[in-house]
C-alpha cells in the first residue's frame, strides 16, 4: 500500500488543452465514487497509466452530491466500507452503526489521502463521448473541456445512482420560491425556520429529509404519491470495546459478507415463513422490529418469492404504522398497499412516522389529490394551491442505466450504446458488452447492483477486470469482448431467475418505472451476491471461454 499523502484540497491536474494531441493512457476511469476510487488504486498498483474523471468537485460519488438534511447510509458502516486494505480497516474508526453523510465523506477523504488517489482524478469534468477506434484498438475519450484521451481500456464506474431526475410535473420554471434538489444539495447550510416547505417524494431520500426538517420548518407539506415501507433504523453510537472487537475480527466479517447473498452481514435465515406457527412468526417479527435495520428482511427466507408470506409481513408493518401515527386517516394514507413489501427499495428511519404527529406537518396524498402543476407561489393540486417558500425535490434517479446513456458510448462499427440498450440494458455479467471491446462496467445494470452491498460488488468487479487485463498482458492480447452467445445466455439467466421474484410486482426505479418512456423490466441479477461471484469466477476459468480476443499487433508481427 502506498503511504504517500496528498494535500487536503482536491487538485486540478494538467490536461491536454483543446486542439493538443490526445494524451495516451492505459486505463481511463469514469466516476469518482467507491468503484472509481478502488479502480484507480488497483490499476495504479499494477503499474498502468491511469486517469480518472469525476463530474463533482471531489471524490465520493453519490455522497459528494447527497448533502441533504438527514442523509445517512442504510447499511451498517462496517459493511459499507472497503475490505481490500487491512491497514485502512485498522486505522479508520466508525462512530455510528449507520454513518451519516459527513462521516462517509470523512472516510472517503481518509482513504483518498491514505492512498494518494486525488492526484489521478480530474474533477468538475464530465466525459461527453467514448468511442472505440477499431484500427488502433483503443478508446478515445472526450471531456466537456474539449480534451481528448486515448486508452486501451475504459472503465465505467458511474454507479447505479448518479443522474437525478426532476418530477414530470409542468410549470417547474414558473416557481419563484427556492427550489432544492436532494441529489444536488447546496454545500452551505440551509435554514427552514419559519418557512412553508414542500417535499415531493417519499422514497428513502424523502423519508430522511422529512424526519429531519419536520421539527425545524414552520410548516411542512409532504407530497406523497406512493408510500414506502420503512423500518426503524435503531442507530447506535459504537462503543470503543465493540470497535476493537470488529477490528480484531474484520477478516472473518469480510469472509461472511462475501459468502452471503447480500454481500454483507445483515441477518439472514433459512426459515420459511409458514414453517413456524403464527405465534412464533409474530414473536420473530416483533423481535426484528425492535432490533431495527433490515433484520425483518432476513427473518424469513421466502419473503421475496412467496406472495402470501410477504403480505403477512406487510400487514404487520402496516399495523405498526397505525400504532405510531395518531390520526387514523393520516396513518391509513401512509400504509403502502398494492405492491409487496421489499419489492421497492427497503427504507430505514429514526422518526418518520412520528413526524406526522406534529401539528406543523401535513401529508398530501397525491393519489387522491394529484399534483397538477407548479405555480409561481407553490404547487397546485386537484383540490387547490399550496403556497410554499421552498420546495425540495426528492424524486430519485434515472437508475442503473442513466449515467451510461447520458453521453455517447460508441463501439465497433459505430454502434452506439443507446441503440444496443434501446429495449433495456444487455451485458455479460454486468461487466462487459458484445460489440464494445475493452469497455468494462462496475456495478453494471445486469449484476446484483442495487440488491447487494455496492462496495463488495465494486471490489469484486474491479478485481475481475484487473485479472482479465493481467491475462491479456501475459498472453499478448489486445482486446477482450464477450460473445453474443455468452451475453444472450447471461440475460436469459437473469430473466429466468427474476420471474420468481416479487420485485416484478412493484413499479420502482429497479424496473425503470420512474422514468417516462424508459424500457421497463427487471434486468438485475437476483440470484444473490455469492452466486454472482461464482459466475464471475467461472467466466475467468480455462482462458475466458465466453470471450473473444484479438492478439496485439506487435505479437502478431513477431
Protein backbone atom coordinates (compact mmCIF):
# COMPACT_ATOMS: atom_id res chain seq x y z
CA UNK A 1 0.00 0.00 0.00
CA UNK A 2 1.26 3.48 -0.83
CA UNK A 3 1.68 5.66 2.25
CA UNK A 4 2.18 8.94 0.40
CA UNK A 5 -0.26 11.65 1.32
CA UNK A 6 -1.77 14.30 -0.90
CA UNK A 7 -2.95 17.75 0.05
CA UNK A 8 -6.37 18.25 1.63
CA UNK A 9 -7.71 20.29 -1.28
CA UNK A 10 -8.68 18.47 -4.48
CA UNK A 11 -6.33 19.49 -7.26
CA UNK A 12 -6.88 20.00 -10.94
CA UNK A 13 -4.01 18.40 -12.77
CA UNK A 14 -2.74 19.42 -16.13
CA UNK A 15 -4.75 18.08 -19.01
CA UNK A 16 -4.13 18.38 -22.72
CA UNK A 17 -5.65 21.60 -23.99
CA UNK A 18 -8.20 21.73 -26.75
CA UNK A 19 -6.50 21.10 -30.06
CA UNK A 20 -3.49 19.37 -28.49
CA UNK A 21 -2.62 15.77 -29.23
CA UNK A 22 -4.63 13.31 -27.15
CA UNK A 23 -2.93 12.05 -24.02
CA UNK A 24 -2.09 8.34 -24.26
CA UNK A 25 -3.05 6.14 -21.30
CA UNK A 26 -3.60 2.52 -20.41
CA UNK A 27 -6.83 2.99 -18.46
CA UNK A 28 -9.48 5.70 -18.23
CA UNK A 29 -11.83 5.51 -15.25
CA UNK A 30 -15.13 7.41 -15.38
CA UNK A 31 -16.53 8.15 -11.92
CA UNK A 32 -15.04 9.02 -8.53
CA UNK A 33 -17.26 7.05 -6.18
CA UNK A 34 -16.27 3.90 -4.31
CA UNK A 35 -15.86 1.87 -7.51
CA UNK A 36 -13.83 4.51 -9.33
CA UNK A 37 -11.56 5.09 -6.33
CA UNK A 38 -10.75 1.42 -5.99
CA UNK A 39 -10.22 1.08 -9.74
CA UNK A 40 -7.69 3.91 -9.77
CA UNK A 41 -5.84 2.37 -6.83
CA UNK A 42 -5.87 -1.15 -8.28
CA UNK A 43 -4.67 -0.19 -11.75
CA UNK A 44 -2.03 2.20 -10.41
CA UNK A 45 -0.62 -0.62 -8.27
CA UNK A 46 -0.45 -2.71 -11.46
CA UNK A 47 1.83 -0.06 -12.95
CA UNK A 48 -0.68 1.15 -15.55
CA UNK A 49 -1.00 4.70 -16.81
CA UNK A 50 -4.32 5.92 -15.45
CA UNK A 51 -6.67 8.91 -15.45
CA UNK A 52 -9.93 9.30 -13.59
CA UNK A 53 -12.74 11.76 -14.36
CA UNK A 54 -15.35 12.94 -11.90
CA UNK A 55 -18.19 15.39 -12.57
CA UNK A 56 -18.22 16.56 -8.95
CA UNK A 57 -15.73 18.79 -7.23
CA UNK A 58 -14.23 15.93 -5.23
CA UNK A 59 -14.37 12.19 -4.65
CA UNK A 60 -17.39 10.48 -3.13
CA UNK A 61 -19.84 9.83 -5.94
CA UNK A 62 -23.41 9.99 -4.68
CA UNK A 63 -22.17 11.05 -1.22
CA UNK A 64 -20.48 14.12 -2.68
CA UNK A 65 -23.82 15.28 -4.05
CA UNK A 66 -26.23 14.00 -1.38
CA UNK A 67 -25.74 16.57 1.37
CA UNK A 68 -29.42 16.94 2.17
CA UNK A 69 -30.53 17.03 5.82
CA UNK A 70 -30.58 13.58 7.38
CA UNK A 71 -28.57 11.85 4.63
CA UNK A 72 -27.31 8.58 6.04
CA UNK A 73 -26.31 5.14 4.77
CA UNK A 74 -28.84 2.36 5.32
CA UNK A 75 -26.25 -0.41 5.61
CA UNK A 76 -24.06 -0.94 8.68
CA UNK A 77 -20.95 1.21 8.43
CA UNK A 78 -18.62 -1.76 8.85
CA UNK A 79 -20.26 -3.30 5.77
CA UNK A 80 -20.28 -0.06 3.81
CA UNK A 81 -16.51 0.24 3.69
CA UNK A 82 -13.56 -1.16 1.76
CA UNK A 83 -12.25 -4.63 2.55
CA UNK A 84 -9.18 -4.66 0.26
CA UNK A 85 -6.92 -2.87 2.75
CA UNK A 86 -6.37 -4.30 6.25
CA UNK A 87 -4.40 -1.16 7.07
CA UNK A 88 -7.36 1.11 6.37
CA UNK A 89 -9.65 -1.20 8.31
CA UNK A 90 -7.44 -0.83 11.36
CA UNK A 91 -6.71 2.88 11.00
CA UNK A 92 -10.28 4.08 10.44
CA UNK A 93 -12.87 4.05 13.22
CA UNK A 94 -16.61 4.40 12.63
CA UNK A 95 -18.57 6.35 15.24
CA UNK A 96 -22.09 5.09 14.44
CA UNK A 97 -23.67 1.85 13.33
CA UNK A 98 -25.20 3.69 10.35
CA UNK A 99 -22.90 6.50 9.27
CA UNK A 100 -24.24 9.95 8.36
CA UNK A 101 -23.15 11.63 5.14
CA UNK A 102 -20.46 13.84 6.76
CA UNK A 103 -18.77 10.79 8.28
CA UNK A 104 -18.97 8.93 4.96
CA UNK A 105 -17.27 11.86 3.24
CA UNK A 106 -14.66 11.92 6.00
CA UNK A 107 -13.98 8.21 5.38
CA UNK A 108 -13.70 8.80 1.64
CA UNK A 109 -11.30 11.68 2.32
CA UNK A 110 -9.24 9.49 4.64
CA UNK A 111 -8.93 6.75 2.03
CA UNK A 112 -8.11 9.26 -0.71
CA UNK A 113 -5.30 10.78 1.33
CA UNK A 114 -4.01 7.46 2.63
CA UNK A 115 -3.71 6.10 -0.91
CA UNK A 116 -2.91 9.38 -2.74
CA UNK A 117 -5.85 8.99 -5.10
CA UNK A 118 -6.84 12.57 -5.88
CA UNK A 119 -3.77 13.27 -8.00
CA UNK A 120 -5.10 10.77 -10.53
CA UNK A 121 -8.52 12.41 -10.94
CA UNK A 122 -9.68 15.42 -12.88
CA UNK A 123 -12.65 16.93 -11.04
CA UNK A 124 -15.51 19.10 -12.30
CA UNK A 125 -15.13 17.23 -15.58
CA UNK A 126 -17.72 15.24 -17.49
CA UNK A 127 -16.96 12.73 -20.20
CA UNK A 128 -19.02 13.64 -23.26
CA UNK A 129 -18.08 10.73 -25.50
CA UNK A 130 -16.13 7.50 -25.57
CA UNK A 131 -15.54 5.93 -28.97
CA UNK A 132 -13.75 2.72 -29.97
CA UNK A 133 -11.04 3.09 -32.63
CA UNK A 134 -11.05 -0.28 -34.37
CA UNK A 135 -7.89 0.26 -36.38
CA UNK A 136 -5.81 1.32 -33.37
CA UNK A 137 -7.62 -0.88 -30.81
CA UNK A 138 -8.18 1.83 -28.23
CA UNK A 139 -10.83 4.11 -26.77
CA UNK A 140 -10.89 7.85 -27.47
CA UNK A 141 -12.48 9.74 -24.60
CA UNK A 142 -13.56 13.39 -24.94
CA UNK A 143 -14.40 15.60 -21.95
CA UNK A 144 -16.56 18.70 -21.65
CA UNK A 145 -13.34 20.73 -21.58
CA UNK A 146 -12.68 19.64 -25.14
CA UNK A 147 -9.73 17.47 -24.12
CA UNK A 148 -9.05 14.06 -25.67
CA UNK A 149 -7.55 10.96 -24.12
CA UNK A 150 -6.69 7.63 -25.67
CA UNK A 151 -6.67 4.46 -23.60
CA UNK A 152 -6.53 0.73 -24.17
CA UNK A 153 -9.23 0.20 -21.54
CA UNK A 154 -12.22 2.25 -20.45
CA UNK A 155 -13.80 1.59 -17.04
CA UNK A 156 -17.31 2.92 -16.44
CA UNK A 157 -17.54 3.30 -12.66
CA UNK A 158 -20.55 5.59 -12.92
CA UNK A 159 -22.65 3.70 -10.37
CA UNK A 160 -26.36 2.85 -10.36
CA UNK A 161 -27.49 6.21 -8.87
CA UNK A 162 -25.82 9.26 -10.37
CA UNK A 163 -28.33 11.00 -12.67
CA UNK A 164 -31.02 12.78 -10.58
CA UNK A 165 -34.40 13.31 -12.22
CA UNK A 166 -37.00 16.01 -11.75
CA UNK A 167 -40.67 15.10 -11.41
CA UNK A 168 -42.68 15.09 -14.62
CA UNK A 169 -44.90 17.95 -13.45
CA UNK A 170 -45.45 21.01 -15.65
CA UNK A 171 -44.51 24.54 -14.68
CA UNK A 172 -41.37 24.00 -12.63
CA UNK A 173 -39.75 27.01 -14.29
CA UNK A 174 -42.59 29.27 -13.07
CA UNK A 175 -41.94 28.68 -9.39
CA UNK A 176 -40.32 31.77 -7.82
CA UNK A 177 -39.51 30.37 -4.37
CA UNK A 178 -36.39 28.40 -3.51
CA UNK A 179 -36.17 25.09 -5.34
CA UNK A 180 -33.75 22.48 -3.96
CA UNK A 181 -32.86 19.08 -5.36
CA UNK A 182 -31.86 16.37 -2.90
CA UNK A 183 -29.38 14.92 -5.38
CA UNK A 184 -27.58 18.26 -5.84
CA UNK A 185 -27.87 19.81 -2.40
CA UNK A 186 -26.09 23.11 -1.65
CA UNK A 187 -22.81 22.89 0.23
CA UNK A 188 -23.77 25.77 2.53
CA UNK A 189 -26.27 25.34 5.42
CA UNK A 190 -29.96 25.72 4.59
CA UNK A 191 -32.39 27.15 7.15
CA UNK A 192 -36.02 26.02 7.26
CA UNK A 193 -37.04 28.07 10.29
CA UNK A 194 -40.40 29.75 9.85
CA UNK A 195 -40.75 28.60 6.24
CA UNK A 196 -43.54 26.78 4.46
CA UNK A 197 -41.64 23.86 2.93
CA UNK A 198 -42.86 21.25 0.47
CA UNK A 199 -41.17 17.88 -0.11
CA UNK A 200 -42.04 15.91 -3.25
CA UNK A 201 -41.11 12.25 -2.98
CA UNK A 202 -41.26 9.70 -0.16
CA UNK A 203 -38.63 7.15 -1.05
CA UNK A 204 -35.55 6.67 1.08
CA UNK A 205 -34.29 10.22 0.49
CA UNK A 206 -37.66 11.86 1.12
CA UNK A 207 -38.11 9.89 4.34
CA UNK A 208 -34.73 11.03 5.66
CA UNK A 209 -35.46 14.65 4.77
CA UNK A 210 -38.96 14.71 6.25
CA UNK A 211 -37.96 13.35 9.64
CA UNK A 212 -35.04 15.79 9.81
CA UNK A 213 -36.73 19.06 8.83
CA UNK A 214 -40.20 18.38 10.29
CA UNK A 215 -39.15 19.80 13.67
CA UNK A 216 -37.36 22.74 12.00
CA UNK A 217 -39.81 24.06 9.40
CA UNK A 218 -42.63 26.46 10.10
CA UNK A 219 -44.98 24.23 8.08
CA UNK A 220 -44.02 21.08 6.19
CA UNK A 221 -46.15 19.66 3.38
CA UNK A 222 -45.21 16.15 2.23
CA UNK A 223 -46.48 15.30 -1.26
CA UNK A 224 -46.78 11.51 -1.40
CA UNK A 225 -47.77 9.53 -4.45
CA UNK A 226 -46.68 6.03 -3.42
CA UNK A 227 -45.99 5.43 0.27
CA UNK A 228 -42.89 3.42 1.15
CA UNK A 229 -42.42 0.71 3.72
CA UNK A 230 -39.84 1.94 6.21
CA UNK A 231 -38.39 0.12 9.21
CA UNK A 232 -36.86 1.62 12.36
CA UNK A 233 -33.10 2.04 11.93
CA UNK A 234 -32.26 1.83 15.65
CA UNK A 235 -28.93 3.54 15.06
CA UNK A 236 -26.34 3.31 17.83
CA UNK A 237 -23.11 5.01 18.79
CA UNK A 238 -20.34 2.43 18.52
CA UNK A 239 -18.57 1.83 21.81
CA UNK A 240 -14.76 1.52 21.82
CA UNK A 241 -14.83 -2.08 23.05
CA UNK A 242 -17.11 -3.11 20.20
CA UNK A 243 -14.97 -1.27 17.64
CA UNK A 244 -11.91 -3.11 18.95
CA UNK A 245 -13.75 -6.42 18.56
CA UNK A 246 -14.67 -5.59 14.97
CA UNK A 247 -11.09 -4.67 14.12
CA UNK A 248 -9.81 -7.94 15.57
CA UNK A 249 -12.32 -9.93 13.55
CA UNK A 250 -12.56 -7.98 10.28
CA UNK A 251 -11.19 -10.91 8.26
CA UNK A 252 -14.00 -13.20 9.39
CA UNK A 253 -16.62 -10.47 8.98
CA UNK A 254 -15.49 -9.85 5.39
CA UNK A 255 -15.48 -13.55 4.59
CA UNK A 256 -19.03 -13.90 5.88
CA UNK A 257 -20.09 -10.89 3.79
CA UNK A 258 -18.55 -12.29 0.60
CA UNK A 259 -20.32 -15.58 1.15
CA UNK A 260 -23.75 -14.01 1.65
CA UNK A 261 -26.49 -13.23 -0.82
CA UNK A 262 -26.41 -9.52 0.06
CA UNK A 263 -22.64 -9.03 0.27
CA UNK A 264 -22.94 -8.01 3.92
CA UNK A 265 -23.54 -9.25 7.43
CA UNK A 266 -27.24 -8.43 7.65
CA UNK A 267 -29.02 -11.32 9.39
CA UNK A 268 -30.34 -13.97 7.03
CA UNK A 269 -32.37 -17.08 7.63
CA UNK A 270 -33.16 -20.40 6.00
CA UNK A 271 -36.55 -20.38 7.81
CA UNK A 272 -39.60 -20.44 5.55
CA UNK A 273 -42.43 -18.21 6.75
CA UNK A 274 -45.06 -20.93 7.07
CA UNK A 275 -42.67 -23.38 8.70
CA UNK A 276 -43.33 -21.80 12.12
CA UNK A 277 -46.59 -21.21 13.97
CA UNK A 278 -48.47 -17.89 13.83
CA UNK A 279 -47.43 -17.07 17.41
CA UNK A 280 -43.79 -17.80 16.63
CA UNK A 281 -43.97 -15.71 13.47
CA UNK A 282 -45.37 -12.78 15.44
CA UNK A 283 -42.61 -13.03 18.03
CA UNK A 284 -39.97 -13.18 15.31
CA UNK A 285 -41.40 -10.11 13.58
CA UNK A 286 -41.66 -8.21 16.86
CA UNK A 287 -38.01 -9.01 17.57
CA UNK A 288 -36.99 -7.85 14.08
CA UNK A 289 -38.90 -4.58 14.55
CA UNK A 290 -37.22 -4.00 17.92
CA UNK A 291 -33.77 -4.84 16.59
CA UNK A 292 -34.19 -2.49 13.66
CA UNK A 293 -32.21 -2.17 10.47
CA UNK A 294 -33.08 -4.65 7.75
CA UNK A 295 -33.42 -7.52 10.21
CA UNK A 296 -37.01 -8.10 9.11
CA UNK A 297 -36.00 -8.74 5.52
CA UNK A 298 -33.72 -11.52 6.73
CA UNK A 299 -36.13 -13.08 9.22
CA UNK A 300 -37.64 -15.47 6.66
CA UNK A 301 -36.02 -16.89 3.56
CA UNK A 302 -39.04 -16.80 1.23
CA UNK A 303 -40.36 -13.25 1.59
CA UNK A 304 -39.44 -12.28 -1.98
CA UNK A 305 -40.89 -15.39 -3.63
CA UNK A 306 -43.97 -16.24 -1.55
CA UNK A 307 -46.67 -13.61 -2.03
CA UNK A 308 -48.82 -14.83 0.85
CA UNK A 309 -45.91 -14.78 3.29
CA UNK A 310 -44.94 -11.34 2.03
CA UNK A 311 -48.43 -9.97 2.64
CA UNK A 312 -48.39 -11.24 6.24
CA UNK A 313 -45.20 -9.26 6.87
CA UNK A 314 -46.56 -6.22 5.04
CA UNK A 315 -49.68 -6.27 7.20
CA UNK A 316 -47.53 -6.49 10.33
CA UNK A 317 -45.71 -3.29 9.29
CA UNK A 318 -48.99 -1.56 8.42
CA UNK A 319 -50.14 -2.36 11.93
CA UNK A 320 -47.02 -0.72 13.35
CA UNK A 321 -47.75 2.42 11.32
CA UNK A 322 -51.22 2.55 12.87
CA UNK A 323 -49.72 2.23 16.34
CA UNK A 324 -47.33 5.17 15.81
CA UNK A 325 -49.40 7.71 13.82
CA UNK A 326 -52.13 9.32 15.93
CA UNK A 327 -54.51 10.42 13.19
CA UNK A 328 -56.24 7.35 11.68
CA UNK A 329 -56.75 8.99 8.28
CA UNK A 330 -53.08 10.00 8.00
CA UNK A 331 -51.99 6.57 9.18
CA UNK A 332 -54.10 4.88 6.53
CA UNK A 333 -52.62 7.06 3.78
CA UNK A 334 -49.11 6.19 4.96
CA UNK A 335 -49.76 2.45 4.75
CA UNK A 336 -48.35 1.06 1.49
CA UNK A 337 -50.69 -1.14 -0.50
CA UNK A 338 -50.72 -2.58 -3.96
CA UNK A 339 -47.16 -3.90 -4.04
CA UNK A 340 -45.13 -6.38 -1.96
CA UNK A 341 -43.02 -5.20 0.94
CA UNK A 342 -39.30 -5.07 -0.03
CA UNK A 343 -40.21 -5.10 -3.74
CA UNK A 344 -39.19 -1.46 -3.73
CA UNK A 345 -36.01 -0.28 -2.06
CA UNK A 346 -36.27 -1.00 1.69
CA UNK A 347 -36.12 2.17 3.77
CA UNK A 348 -34.91 2.83 7.30
CA UNK A 349 -35.91 5.74 9.54
CA UNK A 350 -35.46 7.11 13.02
CA UNK A 351 -38.70 9.09 13.46
CA UNK A 352 -40.50 9.25 10.10
CA UNK A 353 -43.95 8.13 11.19
CA UNK A 354 -43.68 10.08 14.46
CA UNK A 355 -43.08 13.24 12.42
CA UNK A 356 -46.70 13.14 11.21
CA UNK A 357 -47.90 13.60 14.79
CA UNK A 358 -46.50 17.13 14.74
CA UNK A 359 -49.13 19.86 14.16
CA UNK A 360 -46.93 21.61 11.58
CA UNK A 361 -46.53 18.54 9.33
CA UNK A 362 -49.16 17.78 6.69
CA UNK A 363 -49.43 14.78 4.38
CA UNK A 364 -50.77 15.47 0.88
CA UNK A 365 -52.00 12.25 -0.69
CA UNK A 366 -51.24 12.70 -4.38
CA UNK A 367 -53.12 9.54 -5.28
CA UNK A 368 -56.46 11.06 -4.28
CA UNK A 369 -55.37 14.68 -4.74
CA UNK A 370 -52.81 14.65 -7.59
CA UNK A 371 -50.37 17.47 -8.31
CA UNK A 372 -51.42 19.36 -11.43
CA UNK A 373 -48.62 21.88 -11.79
CA UNK A 374 -46.06 24.13 -10.20
CA UNK A 375 -47.22 27.71 -9.79
CA UNK A 376 -45.34 30.93 -9.09
CA UNK A 377 -46.11 30.57 -5.40
CA UNK A 378 -46.06 26.81 -4.89
CA UNK A 379 -47.88 23.69 -6.04
CA UNK A 380 -51.40 23.28 -7.37
CA UNK A 381 -53.14 20.01 -6.64
CA UNK A 382 -56.58 18.98 -7.78
CA UNK A 383 -58.05 20.46 -4.59
CA UNK A 384 -56.24 23.81 -4.78
CA UNK A 385 -52.95 25.69 -4.46
CA UNK A 386 -50.46 25.17 -1.64
CA UNK A 387 -48.24 28.22 -1.26
CA UNK A 388 -44.66 27.36 -0.37
CA UNK A 389 -41.49 29.29 0.38
CA UNK A 390 -39.32 26.31 -0.53
CA UNK A 391 -39.78 23.10 -2.49
CA UNK A 392 -37.46 20.11 -2.12
CA UNK A 393 -37.39 17.54 -4.91
CA UNK A 394 -36.66 14.04 -3.59
CA UNK A 395 -37.77 12.36 -6.79
CA UNK A 396 -34.95 9.89 -7.30
CA UNK A 397 -32.67 8.99 -10.17
CA UNK A 398 -32.59 7.60 -13.66
CA UNK A 399 -31.17 4.48 -12.06
CA UNK A 400 -28.90 1.71 -13.35
CA UNK A 401 -28.56 2.95 -16.95
CA UNK A 402 -28.96 6.73 -16.77
CA UNK A 403 -25.29 7.62 -16.29
CA UNK A 404 -24.07 5.44 -19.17
CA UNK A 405 -26.71 6.77 -21.55
CA UNK A 406 -26.04 10.39 -20.61
CA UNK A 407 -23.16 10.61 -23.10
CA UNK A 408 -22.17 8.91 -26.37
CA UNK A 409 -20.57 5.50 -25.99
CA UNK A 410 -19.69 4.17 -29.42
CA UNK A 411 -18.44 0.63 -30.02
CA UNK A 412 -17.50 -1.45 -33.04
CA UNK A 413 -18.73 -0.27 -36.45
CA UNK A 414 -20.08 2.96 -34.94
CA UNK A 415 -22.79 1.24 -32.91
CA UNK A 416 -24.00 3.41 -30.03
CA UNK A 417 -24.80 2.09 -26.59
CA UNK A 418 -28.21 3.77 -26.59
CA UNK A 419 -29.04 1.71 -29.69
CA UNK A 420 -27.88 -1.52 -28.11
CA UNK A 421 -29.87 -0.72 -24.99
CA UNK A 422 -32.98 0.67 -26.67
CA UNK A 423 -35.05 -2.22 -25.26
CA UNK A 424 -33.21 -2.29 -21.93
CA UNK A 425 -29.64 -2.93 -20.77
CA UNK A 426 -27.83 -6.04 -22.00
CA UNK A 427 -24.40 -7.26 -20.98
CA UNK A 428 -22.45 -10.28 -19.84
CA UNK A 429 -22.22 -10.40 -16.02
CA UNK A 430 -22.98 -6.68 -15.88
CA UNK A 431 -19.26 -6.29 -16.66
CA UNK A 432 -18.85 -6.24 -20.45
CA UNK A 433 -20.91 -5.99 -23.63
CA UNK A 434 -20.69 -7.66 -27.01
CA UNK A 435 -19.69 -5.03 -29.57
CA UNK A 436 -17.82 -2.87 -27.05
CA UNK A 437 -14.33 -4.36 -26.62
CA UNK A 438 -12.16 -3.34 -23.64
CA UNK A 439 -15.09 -1.44 -22.12
CA UNK A 440 -15.83 -2.54 -18.57
CA UNK A 441 -18.52 -1.59 -16.07
CA UNK A 442 -18.51 -1.77 -12.30
CA UNK A 443 -21.86 -2.43 -10.59
CA UNK A 444 -23.42 -2.73 -14.02
CA UNK A 445 -27.18 -2.97 -14.57
CA UNK A 446 -27.19 -6.75 -15.15
CA UNK A 447 -25.31 -7.66 -11.99
CA UNK A 448 -26.69 -7.56 -8.43
CA UNK A 449 -26.16 -3.73 -8.32
CA UNK A 450 -28.97 -2.31 -6.15
CA UNK A 451 -29.75 -5.66 -4.49
CA UNK A 452 -26.45 -6.15 -2.63
CA UNK A 453 -23.65 -4.22 -0.95
CA UNK A 454 -22.39 -1.81 -3.60
CA UNK A 455 -18.84 -1.76 -2.22
CA UNK A 456 -18.48 -5.56 -2.20
CA UNK A 457 -19.76 -5.61 -5.78
CA UNK A 458 -17.33 -2.84 -6.79
CA UNK A 459 -14.37 -4.68 -5.30
CA UNK A 460 -15.40 -7.93 -7.00
CA UNK A 461 -15.82 -6.21 -10.36
CA UNK A 462 -12.57 -4.24 -10.25
CA UNK A 463 -10.62 -7.35 -9.19
CA UNK A 464 -12.19 -9.30 -12.07
CA UNK A 465 -11.28 -6.56 -14.57
CA UNK A 466 -7.72 -6.40 -13.23
CA UNK A 467 -7.35 -10.16 -13.60
CA UNK A 468 -8.64 -10.00 -17.18
CA UNK A 469 -6.15 -7.26 -18.09
CA UNK A 470 -3.33 -9.26 -16.50
CA UNK A 471 -4.37 -12.33 -18.51
CA UNK A 472 -4.25 -10.26 -21.69
CA UNK A 473 -0.85 -8.78 -20.91
CA UNK A 474 0.57 -12.22 -20.12
CA UNK A 475 -0.68 -13.65 -23.40
CA UNK A 476 -0.02 -10.81 -25.83
CA UNK A 477 -3.70 -9.99 -26.28
CA UNK A 478 -5.01 -6.51 -27.10
CA UNK A 479 -8.82 -6.74 -26.93
CA UNK A 480 -11.42 -8.68 -24.97
CA UNK A 481 -15.13 -8.90 -25.70
CA UNK A 482 -17.89 -11.31 -24.69
CA UNK A 483 -19.50 -13.38 -27.40
CA UNK A 484 -23.09 -12.73 -28.39
CA UNK A 485 -23.90 -16.25 -27.21
CA UNK A 486 -22.46 -15.55 -23.74
CA UNK A 487 -24.35 -12.27 -23.45
CA UNK A 488 -27.62 -13.87 -24.56
CA UNK A 489 -27.09 -16.74 -22.15
CA UNK A 490 -26.47 -14.39 -19.22
CA UNK A 491 -29.51 -12.28 -19.99
CA UNK A 492 -31.64 -15.44 -20.33
CA UNK A 493 -30.45 -16.46 -16.86
CA UNK A 494 -31.16 -13.02 -15.42
CA UNK A 495 -34.70 -13.00 -16.83
CA UNK A 496 -35.38 -16.61 -15.93
CA UNK A 497 -34.49 -16.39 -12.24
CA UNK A 498 -36.14 -12.99 -11.76
CA UNK A 499 -39.53 -14.42 -12.76
CA UNK A 500 -39.84 -15.88 -9.26
CA UNK A 501 -39.09 -12.55 -7.58
CA UNK A 502 -41.85 -10.34 -6.20
CA UNK A 503 -39.74 -7.32 -7.18
CA UNK A 504 -41.52 -7.54 -10.53
CA UNK A 505 -44.80 -6.68 -8.77
CA UNK A 506 -43.76 -3.12 -7.89
CA UNK A 507 -43.28 -0.03 -10.03
CA UNK A 508 -39.88 1.25 -8.94
CA UNK A 509 -36.58 2.52 -10.29
CA UNK A 510 -35.32 -1.06 -10.03
CA UNK A 511 -37.51 -1.86 -13.05
CA UNK A 512 -37.28 1.58 -14.72
CA UNK A 513 -40.84 2.61 -13.85
CA UNK A 514 -39.87 6.07 -12.54
CA UNK A 515 -38.64 7.43 -15.89
CA UNK A 516 -41.05 8.25 -18.70
CA UNK A 517 -40.59 6.12 -21.85
CA UNK A 518 -37.79 4.06 -20.27
CA UNK A 519 -37.92 0.34 -21.11
CA UNK A 520 -39.36 -1.47 -18.10
CA UNK A 521 -38.29 -4.80 -16.72
CA UNK A 522 -36.10 -6.29 -14.05
CA UNK A 523 -32.60 -6.60 -15.51
CA UNK A 524 -30.78 -7.07 -12.19
CA UNK A 525 -29.27 -10.42 -11.25
CA UNK A 526 -31.49 -11.63 -8.41
CA UNK A 527 -29.52 -14.77 -7.59
CA UNK A 528 -27.53 -13.12 -4.81
CA UNK A 529 -24.01 -11.77 -4.46
CA UNK A 530 -22.39 -15.09 -3.63
CA UNK A 531 -23.79 -16.75 -6.77
CA UNK A 532 -22.78 -13.71 -8.80
CA UNK A 533 -19.18 -14.10 -7.62
CA UNK A 534 -19.29 -17.75 -8.65
CA UNK A 535 -20.46 -16.81 -12.15
CA UNK A 536 -17.70 -14.21 -12.44
CA UNK A 537 -15.05 -16.71 -11.30
CA UNK A 538 -16.31 -19.36 -13.72
CA UNK A 539 -16.15 -16.91 -16.62
CA UNK A 540 -12.43 -16.36 -15.97
CA UNK A 541 -11.51 -20.05 -15.80
CA UNK A 542 -9.85 -22.01 -18.61
CA UNK A 543 -8.80 -18.99 -20.62
CA UNK A 544 -12.04 -16.99 -20.56
CA UNK A 545 -14.03 -19.25 -22.94
CA UNK A 546 -17.03 -16.88 -23.18
CA UNK A 547 -14.85 -14.13 -24.65
CA UNK A 548 -13.12 -13.43 -27.94
CA UNK A 549 -9.68 -11.83 -28.01
CA UNK A 550 -7.56 -10.02 -30.58
CA UNK A 551 -3.83 -10.54 -30.44
CA UNK A 552 -1.67 -7.46 -30.05
CA UNK A 553 -0.32 -6.31 -33.42
CA UNK A 554 3.30 -6.48 -32.26
CA UNK A 555 2.68 -10.04 -31.03
CA UNK A 556 1.23 -10.99 -34.42
CA UNK A 557 4.20 -9.44 -36.21
CA UNK A 558 6.59 -11.39 -34.00
